[in-house]
């Protein structure tokens, strides 16, 4: 393990970028063994005020507006890329060529072609660590269900998953990059990418998808007068532009194990700010989890057939993944949220960079980002063909 300081930078200081900034600050306080010293070098954003605010808020040494300055920055070894999807490829390829370790937000790129090129760039630098931010793999309850599935519940017969949000429900939400790019690049890629990854993380690889269907209810949006970040509202101009992608996406899937899956994704679901949930039915039991109540899950561990079969509520605690050492209070019922997961992810990535063995499960590699986009592409092709079955041909999930 190296004892040299690891310099960290974050490109993009919007909603998810701030979570990365905070995650790196939290990482040294979590788990064992200790990390090498971490240097919080810089935050970069096209909007200088946003970059300055994030740097000062999270204790980074400086801020800037041009990510290219990082290419020659000797005090930066690790970079998170948290910008619009279509910008990922150029930034990541340049950072890798400059010798930087790169953690890129999901989806890995705006297209399968770009993602495949990014994998090739990473493979050309085997000495560098790269990963994609599928942060929900690190939900303690989800990881506990996955372990229980492998040890007790047996083969899955049916996975039913949904990811419903309401950030795009209002027609007054301003135009942004999220609403450009064509079918499949909307709700499916933005939030469905998480659900797809989670389904394969728990159930294994999909072999085909079918029944792909999209709908777009808000047909156009007003261009904002100023810069917007995340899903924030803004003062709107009189200029309106068409929405190019999906508000809602649904599809079914077959898994290599023989299980089937049903998927529902929406960015216009009233009352669901950030609602990710799944049910799975298995050979010897069942489990379900809902991110609205993240630190608990329900499970049937043994089917007795005596009239008393039913779900037991389990509170996530020190016996489950990520909780022991991952919270100030290692105790059942001491809840956690999405923000904590960015600390777990940053910690895992820094452990990989530092060469720490036997620590947290590694961050998803770029290959998994390609896998995810391959499925998204298959769903889009299914929808274009009236719901036809489309095979998924790509190396299986890690």
Protein backbone atom coordinates (compact mmCIF):
# COMPACT_ATOMS: atom_id res chain seq x y z
CA UNK A 1 0.00 0.00 0.00
CA UNK A 2 1.25 3.47 -0.86
CA UNK A 3 1.55 6.04 1.94
CA UNK A 4 1.85 8.96 -0.46
CA UNK A 5 -0.95 11.53 -0.35
CA UNK A 6 -3.74 11.04 -2.87
CA UNK A 7 -4.90 14.27 -4.49
CA UNK A 8 -8.59 14.40 -5.39
CA UNK A 9 -10.47 16.57 -7.90
CA UNK A 10 -14.14 16.67 -8.93
CA UNK A 11 -15.31 17.88 -12.35
CA UNK A 12 -18.89 19.07 -12.10
CA UNK A 13 -20.26 20.69 -8.95
CA UNK A 14 -23.98 20.28 -9.48
CA UNK A 15 -26.22 17.95 -7.52
CA UNK A 16 -24.28 14.69 -8.00
CA UNK A 17 -20.95 16.53 -8.11
CA UNK A 18 -21.51 17.87 -4.61
CA UNK A 19 -22.24 14.31 -3.48
CA UNK A 20 -18.84 13.23 -4.85
CA UNK A 21 -17.14 16.17 -3.14
CA UNK A 22 -18.74 15.23 0.17
CA UNK A 23 -18.08 11.52 -0.36
CA UNK A 24 -14.32 12.03 -0.62
CA UNK A 25 -14.39 14.15 2.55
CA UNK A 26 -16.19 11.36 4.41
CA UNK A 27 -14.17 8.45 3.03
CA UNK A 28 -11.19 8.61 5.46
CA UNK A 29 -13.55 8.48 8.46
CA UNK A 30 -15.09 5.17 7.32
CA UNK A 31 -13.98 1.58 7.78
CA UNK A 32 -10.50 0.13 8.35
CA UNK A 33 -7.60 0.12 7.66
CA UNK A 34 -6.71 3.81 7.47
CA UNK A 35 -6.36 5.39 4.06
CA UNK A 36 -3.24 7.30 3.02
CA UNK A 37 -3.50 11.06 3.51
CA UNK A 38 -6.08 12.60 1.16
CA UNK A 39 -5.48 16.01 -0.41
CA UNK A 40 -8.63 17.81 -1.50
CA UNK A 41 -7.13 19.65 -4.44
CA UNK A 42 -9.78 21.24 -6.63
CA UNK A 43 -13.37 21.44 -7.84
CA UNK A 44 -14.03 22.34 -11.48
CA UNK A 45 -17.28 23.55 -12.98
CA UNK A 46 -18.17 25.63 -16.03
CA UNK A 47 -19.94 28.03 -13.67
CA UNK A 48 -17.28 29.72 -11.54
CA UNK A 49 -19.68 30.58 -8.73
CA UNK A 50 -20.86 27.00 -8.42
CA UNK A 51 -17.27 25.71 -8.41
CA UNK A 52 -16.25 28.24 -5.76
CA UNK A 53 -19.21 27.40 -3.54
CA UNK A 54 -18.52 23.65 -3.67
CA UNK A 55 -14.79 24.08 -3.03
CA UNK A 56 -15.38 26.28 -0.01
CA UNK A 57 -18.27 24.21 1.30
CA UNK A 58 -16.38 20.91 1.20
CA UNK A 59 -12.89 22.18 1.99
CA UNK A 60 -11.10 21.85 -1.34
CA UNK A 61 -7.99 23.97 -1.84
CA UNK A 62 -9.01 25.71 -5.05
CA UNK A 63 -11.56 25.84 -7.83
CA UNK A 64 -11.59 26.39 -11.56
CA UNK A 65 -13.70 26.44 -14.70
CA UNK A 66 -11.57 24.44 -17.18
CA UNK A 67 -11.11 20.72 -16.55
CA UNK A 68 -8.08 20.70 -18.86
CA UNK A 69 -6.09 22.37 -16.08
CA UNK A 70 -6.17 19.02 -14.26
CA UNK A 71 -4.17 17.28 -16.99
CA UNK A 72 -0.97 18.96 -15.83
CA UNK A 73 -1.86 19.17 -12.12
CA UNK A 74 0.81 17.23 -10.22
CA UNK A 75 -1.23 17.33 -7.02
CA UNK A 76 -4.21 15.49 -8.55
CA UNK A 77 -4.20 11.71 -8.88
CA UNK A 78 -7.93 10.88 -8.64
CA UNK A 79 -10.72 12.61 -10.58
CA UNK A 80 -14.49 12.18 -10.45
CA UNK A 81 -16.26 13.10 -13.69
CA UNK A 82 -19.79 14.29 -12.90
CA UNK A 83 -20.98 16.24 -15.94
CA UNK A 84 -23.47 15.79 -18.80
CA UNK A 85 -23.29 12.32 -20.34
CA UNK A 86 -22.19 13.49 -23.79
CA UNK A 87 -19.08 15.08 -22.25
CA UNK A 88 -17.84 11.94 -20.49
CA UNK A 89 -15.82 10.36 -23.27
CA UNK A 90 -13.57 13.28 -24.17
CA UNK A 91 -12.86 14.14 -20.53
CA UNK A 92 -12.23 10.56 -19.41
CA UNK A 93 -9.95 9.73 -22.34
CA UNK A 94 -7.88 12.87 -21.71
CA UNK A 95 -7.60 12.20 -17.97
CA UNK A 96 -6.49 8.61 -18.49
CA UNK A 97 -3.91 9.73 -21.05
CA UNK A 98 -2.63 12.20 -18.43
CA UNK A 99 -2.19 9.42 -15.88
CA UNK A 100 -5.20 10.10 -13.65
CA UNK A 101 -7.41 7.52 -11.95
CA UNK A 102 -11.02 8.17 -13.03
CA UNK A 103 -14.40 7.58 -11.40
CA UNK A 104 -17.14 8.43 -13.92
CA UNK A 105 -20.81 8.92 -13.12
CA UNK A 106 -23.43 6.67 -14.67
CA UNK A 107 -24.45 6.15 -17.39
CA UNK A 108 -20.88 5.72 -18.55
CA UNK A 109 -21.49 7.68 -21.76
CA UNK A 110 -24.18 9.10 -24.01
CA UNK A 111 -23.89 6.20 -26.43
CA UNK A 112 -22.76 2.60 -26.51
CA UNK A 113 -20.08 3.56 -29.04
CA UNK A 114 -18.59 6.17 -26.70
CA UNK A 115 -18.70 3.79 -23.73
CA UNK A 116 -16.89 1.07 -25.68
CA UNK A 117 -14.18 3.58 -26.62
CA UNK A 118 -13.80 4.53 -22.96
CA UNK A 119 -13.24 0.88 -22.01
CA UNK A 120 -10.51 0.68 -24.65
CA UNK A 121 -8.91 3.83 -23.22
CA UNK A 122 -8.94 2.32 -19.73
CA UNK A 123 -7.47 -0.96 -20.98
CA UNK A 124 -4.62 1.01 -22.58
CA UNK A 125 -3.66 2.17 -19.07
CA UNK A 126 -3.77 -0.96 -16.89
CA UNK A 127 -1.84 0.82 -14.13
CA UNK A 128 -4.74 3.23 -13.60
CA UNK A 129 -7.98 2.54 -11.72
CA UNK A 130 -11.24 3.39 -13.43
CA UNK A 131 -14.83 2.86 -12.36
CA UNK A 132 -18.43 3.89 -12.96
CA UNK A 133 -20.73 5.24 -10.26
CA UNK A 134 -23.41 2.62 -9.72
CA UNK A 135 -23.72 3.77 -6.16
CA UNK A 136 -26.90 1.89 -5.26
CA UNK A 137 -25.00 -1.41 -5.23
CA UNK A 138 -23.72 -0.13 -1.90
CA UNK A 139 -27.10 0.01 -0.20
CA UNK A 140 -26.54 -2.20 2.87
CA UNK A 141 -30.04 -3.69 2.66
CA UNK A 142 -29.62 -4.53 -1.04
CA UNK A 143 -26.24 -6.17 -0.45
CA UNK A 144 -27.75 -8.15 2.44
CA UNK A 145 -30.59 -9.41 0.20
CA UNK A 146 -28.07 -10.42 -2.46
CA UNK A 147 -26.05 -12.41 0.07
CA UNK A 148 -29.19 -14.05 1.47
CA UNK A 149 -30.34 -14.93 -2.03
CA UNK A 150 -27.12 -16.81 -2.71
CA UNK A 151 -27.05 -18.56 0.68
CA UNK A 152 -30.70 -19.41 1.37
CA UNK A 153 -33.41 -18.17 -0.96
CA UNK A 154 -32.28 -20.05 -4.06
CA UNK A 155 -32.92 -19.23 -7.69
CA UNK A 156 -35.01 -16.18 -8.50
CA UNK A 157 -38.21 -16.72 -10.47
CA UNK A 158 -39.34 -13.09 -10.81
CA UNK A 159 -37.76 -9.68 -10.25
CA UNK A 160 -40.14 -6.72 -10.28
CA UNK A 161 -38.39 -3.35 -10.14
CA UNK A 162 -39.36 0.29 -10.42
CA UNK A 163 -37.61 3.63 -10.31
CA UNK A 164 -40.10 6.49 -10.16
CA UNK A 165 -39.20 10.16 -9.81
CA UNK A 166 -41.11 13.40 -10.29
CA UNK A 167 -38.30 15.81 -11.23
CA UNK A 168 -39.65 16.24 -14.77
CA UNK A 169 -43.38 16.16 -13.99
CA UNK A 170 -43.91 19.90 -14.33
CA UNK A 171 -43.82 21.51 -17.76
CA UNK A 172 -42.18 24.46 -15.99
CA UNK A 173 -39.04 22.42 -15.32
CA UNK A 174 -36.50 24.05 -17.67
CA UNK A 175 -34.87 22.49 -20.70
CA UNK A 176 -31.54 20.80 -19.90
CA UNK A 177 -29.22 18.20 -21.39
CA UNK A 178 -31.29 15.44 -19.76
CA UNK A 179 -34.11 16.07 -22.25
CA UNK A 180 -31.96 15.73 -25.37
CA UNK A 181 -30.59 12.69 -27.16
CA UNK A 182 -33.35 10.55 -28.61
CA UNK A 183 -35.40 7.55 -27.39
CA UNK A 184 -33.85 5.67 -24.47
CA UNK A 185 -31.61 8.54 -23.33
CA UNK A 186 -34.26 10.03 -21.03
CA UNK A 187 -35.69 8.36 -17.95
CA UNK A 188 -34.35 4.98 -19.07
CA UNK A 189 -30.71 6.09 -19.16
CA UNK A 190 -30.88 8.67 -16.39
CA UNK A 191 -32.48 6.62 -13.62
CA UNK A 192 -33.25 3.31 -15.33
CA UNK A 193 -29.50 2.71 -15.63
CA UNK A 194 -29.42 2.34 -11.83
CA UNK A 195 -32.34 -0.09 -11.79
CA UNK A 196 -30.86 -2.22 -14.57
CA UNK A 197 -27.52 -2.42 -12.78
CA UNK A 198 -29.21 -3.28 -9.48
CA UNK A 199 -31.30 -6.03 -11.12
CA UNK A 200 -28.22 -7.72 -12.57
CA UNK A 201 -26.24 -7.17 -9.37
CA UNK A 202 -28.89 -9.13 -7.48
CA UNK A 203 -30.19 -11.61 -10.08
CA UNK A 204 -27.36 -12.13 -12.55
CA UNK A 205 -27.16 -11.30 -16.26
CA UNK A 206 -30.10 -10.68 -18.56
CA UNK A 207 -30.17 -12.52 -21.87
CA UNK A 208 -32.97 -10.64 -23.64
CA UNK A 209 -35.47 -7.82 -23.28
CA UNK A 210 -38.90 -7.38 -24.80
CA UNK A 211 -42.00 -5.24 -24.61
CA UNK A 212 -39.98 -2.03 -24.66
CA UNK A 213 -42.29 1.00 -24.58
CA UNK A 214 -41.67 4.74 -24.17
CA UNK A 215 -43.89 7.73 -23.71
CA UNK A 216 -43.16 11.44 -23.51
CA UNK A 217 -45.91 13.49 -21.87
CA UNK A 218 -44.13 16.86 -21.66
CA UNK A 219 -43.42 17.53 -25.33
CA UNK A 220 -41.41 20.76 -25.00
CA UNK A 221 -39.67 22.80 -22.35
CA UNK A 222 -38.60 26.42 -22.01
CA UNK A 223 -34.93 27.31 -22.18
CA UNK A 224 -33.78 28.84 -18.87
CA UNK A 225 -32.43 32.38 -18.72
CA UNK A 226 -29.51 31.34 -16.54
CA UNK A 227 -27.49 28.23 -15.69
CA UNK A 228 -29.36 25.40 -14.00
CA UNK A 229 -28.00 22.42 -12.09
CA UNK A 230 -29.56 19.11 -11.20
CA UNK A 231 -33.32 19.38 -11.26
CA UNK A 232 -33.54 22.95 -9.98
CA UNK A 233 -36.14 25.36 -11.25
CA UNK A 234 -35.11 28.59 -12.94
CA UNK A 235 -36.47 31.71 -14.56
CA UNK A 236 -37.65 30.71 -18.02
CA UNK A 237 -37.18 32.41 -21.38
CA UNK A 238 -39.78 32.59 -24.15
CA UNK A 239 -37.79 30.08 -26.21
CA UNK A 240 -39.13 26.54 -26.14
CA UNK A 241 -37.41 23.41 -27.43
CA UNK A 242 -38.75 19.91 -28.07
CA UNK A 243 -38.08 17.12 -25.58
CA UNK A 244 -36.24 14.41 -27.49
CA UNK A 245 -36.44 11.45 -25.13
CA UNK A 246 -38.58 9.39 -22.80
CA UNK A 247 -40.47 10.45 -19.68
CA UNK A 248 -41.56 6.86 -19.02
CA UNK A 249 -40.00 3.54 -20.03
CA UNK A 250 -41.22 -0.01 -19.40
CA UNK A 251 -39.92 -3.41 -20.48
CA UNK A 252 -39.61 -7.05 -19.49
CA UNK A 253 -36.47 -9.19 -19.42
CA UNK A 254 -35.29 -12.77 -19.24
CA UNK A 255 -32.27 -13.64 -17.08
CA UNK A 256 -29.66 -16.31 -17.70
CA UNK A 257 -30.94 -18.12 -14.60
CA UNK A 258 -34.38 -18.53 -16.16
CA UNK A 259 -35.95 -15.75 -14.10
CA UNK A 260 -38.11 -13.06 -15.66
CA UNK A 261 -38.09 -9.38 -14.81
CA UNK A 262 -40.54 -6.51 -15.14
CA UNK A 263 -39.30 -2.92 -15.11
CA UNK A 264 -41.04 0.45 -14.78
CA UNK A 265 -39.16 3.76 -14.96
CA UNK A 266 -40.65 7.26 -14.78
CA UNK A 267 -39.42 10.80 -14.26
CA UNK A 268 -42.97 12.21 -14.12
CA UNK A 269 -44.45 10.17 -11.23
CA UNK A 270 -46.33 12.49 -8.83
CA UNK A 271 -45.38 12.06 -5.20
CA UNK A 272 -42.26 10.01 -5.91
CA UNK A 273 -39.22 12.21 -5.43
CA UNK A 274 -36.66 9.40 -5.70
CA UNK A 275 -38.44 6.08 -5.39
CA UNK A 276 -36.36 2.99 -6.21
CA UNK A 277 -37.80 -0.36 -5.14
CA UNK A 278 -37.93 -4.03 -6.04
CA UNK A 279 -39.60 -7.32 -5.13
CA UNK A 280 -38.03 -10.66 -5.90
CA UNK A 281 -39.56 -14.09 -5.66
CA UNK A 282 -37.24 -17.05 -5.29
CA UNK A 283 -37.24 -20.82 -4.93
CA UNK A 284 -37.22 -20.90 -1.13
CA UNK A 285 -38.51 -17.46 -0.17
CA UNK A 286 -38.80 -13.85 -1.20
CA UNK A 287 -37.46 -10.37 -0.42
CA UNK A 288 -38.40 -6.77 -1.06
CA UNK A 289 -36.81 -3.37 -0.50
CA UNK A 290 -37.87 0.23 -0.99
CA UNK A 291 -35.48 3.20 -0.94
CA UNK A 292 -38.17 5.30 0.74
CA UNK A 293 -37.26 3.21 3.82
CA UNK A 294 -33.65 2.37 2.94
CA UNK A 295 -32.40 0.92 6.23
CA UNK A 296 -34.90 -1.91 6.35
CA UNK A 297 -35.98 -4.76 4.12
CA UNK A 298 -38.52 -7.58 4.21
CA UNK A 299 -37.75 -11.24 3.71
CA UNK A 300 -39.35 -14.68 3.77
CA UNK A 301 -36.49 -17.05 4.62
CA UNK A 302 -38.40 -20.31 4.87
CA UNK A 303 -41.71 -21.38 3.38
CA UNK A 304 -43.44 -23.45 6.05
CA UNK A 305 -46.81 -23.99 4.40
CA UNK A 306 -48.60 -23.85 7.76
CA UNK A 307 -50.62 -20.68 7.25
CA UNK A 308 -47.99 -18.45 8.84
CA UNK A 309 -45.81 -17.75 5.80
CA UNK A 310 -45.19 -14.02 5.49
CA UNK A 311 -42.58 -11.32 5.40
CA UNK A 312 -40.36 -10.45 8.35
CA UNK A 313 -39.09 -6.90 8.69
CA UNK A 314 -35.31 -6.63 9.12
CA UNK A 315 -33.55 -3.46 10.25
CA UNK A 316 -30.12 -3.05 8.67
CA UNK A 317 -27.42 -3.25 11.31
CA UNK A 318 -23.78 -4.20 11.97
CA UNK A 319 -24.31 -7.78 10.73
CA UNK A 320 -25.08 -6.45 7.24
CA UNK A 321 -22.69 -5.08 4.57
CA UNK A 322 -21.36 -1.52 4.89
CA UNK A 323 -23.03 -0.73 8.21
CA UNK A 324 -20.29 -1.82 10.61
CA UNK A 325 -17.64 0.88 10.26
CA UNK A 326 -19.74 2.80 7.76
CA UNK A 327 -21.81 4.81 10.23
CA UNK A 328 -20.82 6.74 13.36
CA UNK A 329 -23.23 4.51 15.32
CA UNK A 330 -23.02 0.83 14.39
CA UNK A 331 -26.47 -0.12 15.58
CA UNK A 332 -29.71 -1.39 14.01
CA UNK A 333 -32.19 1.40 13.36
CA UNK A 334 -29.48 4.08 12.96
CA UNK A 335 -30.48 4.87 9.42
CA UNK A 336 -28.46 5.98 6.41
CA UNK A 337 -29.26 7.70 3.16
CA UNK A 338 -28.07 8.07 -0.42
CA UNK A 339 -25.44 10.59 0.66
CA UNK A 340 -23.74 7.95 2.79
CA UNK A 341 -23.38 5.70 -0.26
CA UNK A 342 -21.16 8.27 -1.98
CA UNK A 343 -18.83 8.03 1.01
CA UNK A 344 -18.75 4.23 0.69
CA UNK A 345 -18.10 4.53 -3.04
CA UNK A 346 -15.32 7.09 -2.61
CA UNK A 347 -13.75 4.97 0.12
CA UNK A 348 -13.80 1.87 -2.12
CA UNK A 349 -12.28 3.77 -5.04
CA UNK A 350 -9.52 5.27 -2.91
CA UNK A 351 -8.75 1.81 -1.51
CA UNK A 352 -8.28 0.55 -5.06
CA UNK A 353 -5.99 3.46 -5.90
CA UNK A 354 -3.97 2.94 -2.72
CA UNK A 355 -3.67 -0.82 -3.29
CA UNK A 356 -5.47 -1.78 -0.07
CA UNK A 357 -6.46 -5.44 -0.19
CA UNK A 358 -9.34 -7.09 1.61
CA UNK A 359 -11.34 -3.90 1.97
CA UNK A 360 -14.67 -2.92 0.46
CA UNK A 361 -16.03 -4.47 -2.76
CA UNK A 362 -14.53 -2.63 -5.69
CA UNK A 363 -16.28 0.07 -7.68
CA UNK A 364 -18.00 -1.20 -10.82
CA UNK A 365 -15.52 -1.26 -13.74
CA UNK A 366 -16.11 0.49 -17.06
CA UNK A 367 -17.08 -2.90 -18.51
CA UNK A 368 -20.21 -2.83 -16.37
CA UNK A 369 -21.02 0.60 -17.76
CA UNK A 370 -20.90 -0.86 -21.27
CA UNK A 371 -23.05 -3.77 -20.12
CA UNK A 372 -25.65 -1.36 -18.76
CA UNK A 373 -25.73 0.69 -21.96
CA UNK A 374 -26.02 -2.50 -24.02
CA UNK A 375 -29.26 -3.31 -22.19
CA UNK A 376 -30.50 0.28 -22.55
CA UNK A 377 -29.78 0.06 -26.28
CA UNK A 378 -31.64 -3.27 -26.47
CA UNK A 379 -34.70 -1.75 -24.76
CA UNK A 380 -34.64 1.19 -27.20
CA UNK A 381 -34.46 -1.21 -30.15
CA UNK A 382 -37.32 -3.25 -28.69
CA UNK A 383 -39.45 -0.13 -28.38
CA UNK A 384 -38.61 0.93 -31.95
CA UNK A 385 -39.72 -2.50 -33.17
CA UNK A 386 -43.07 -2.43 -31.39
CA UNK A 387 -41.93 -4.37 -28.32
CA UNK A 388 -40.00 -7.10 -30.13
CA UNK A 389 -37.62 -9.38 -28.26
CA UNK A 390 -33.99 -8.25 -28.50
CA UNK A 391 -31.07 -10.39 -27.35
CA UNK A 392 -28.46 -8.93 -25.01
CA UNK A 393 -25.01 -9.86 -26.25
CA UNK A 394 -22.31 -8.55 -23.98
CA UNK A 395 -19.96 -10.04 -21.34
CA UNK A 396 -21.96 -10.80 -18.20
CA UNK A 397 -22.15 -8.61 -15.12
CA UNK A 398 -19.45 -8.67 -12.46
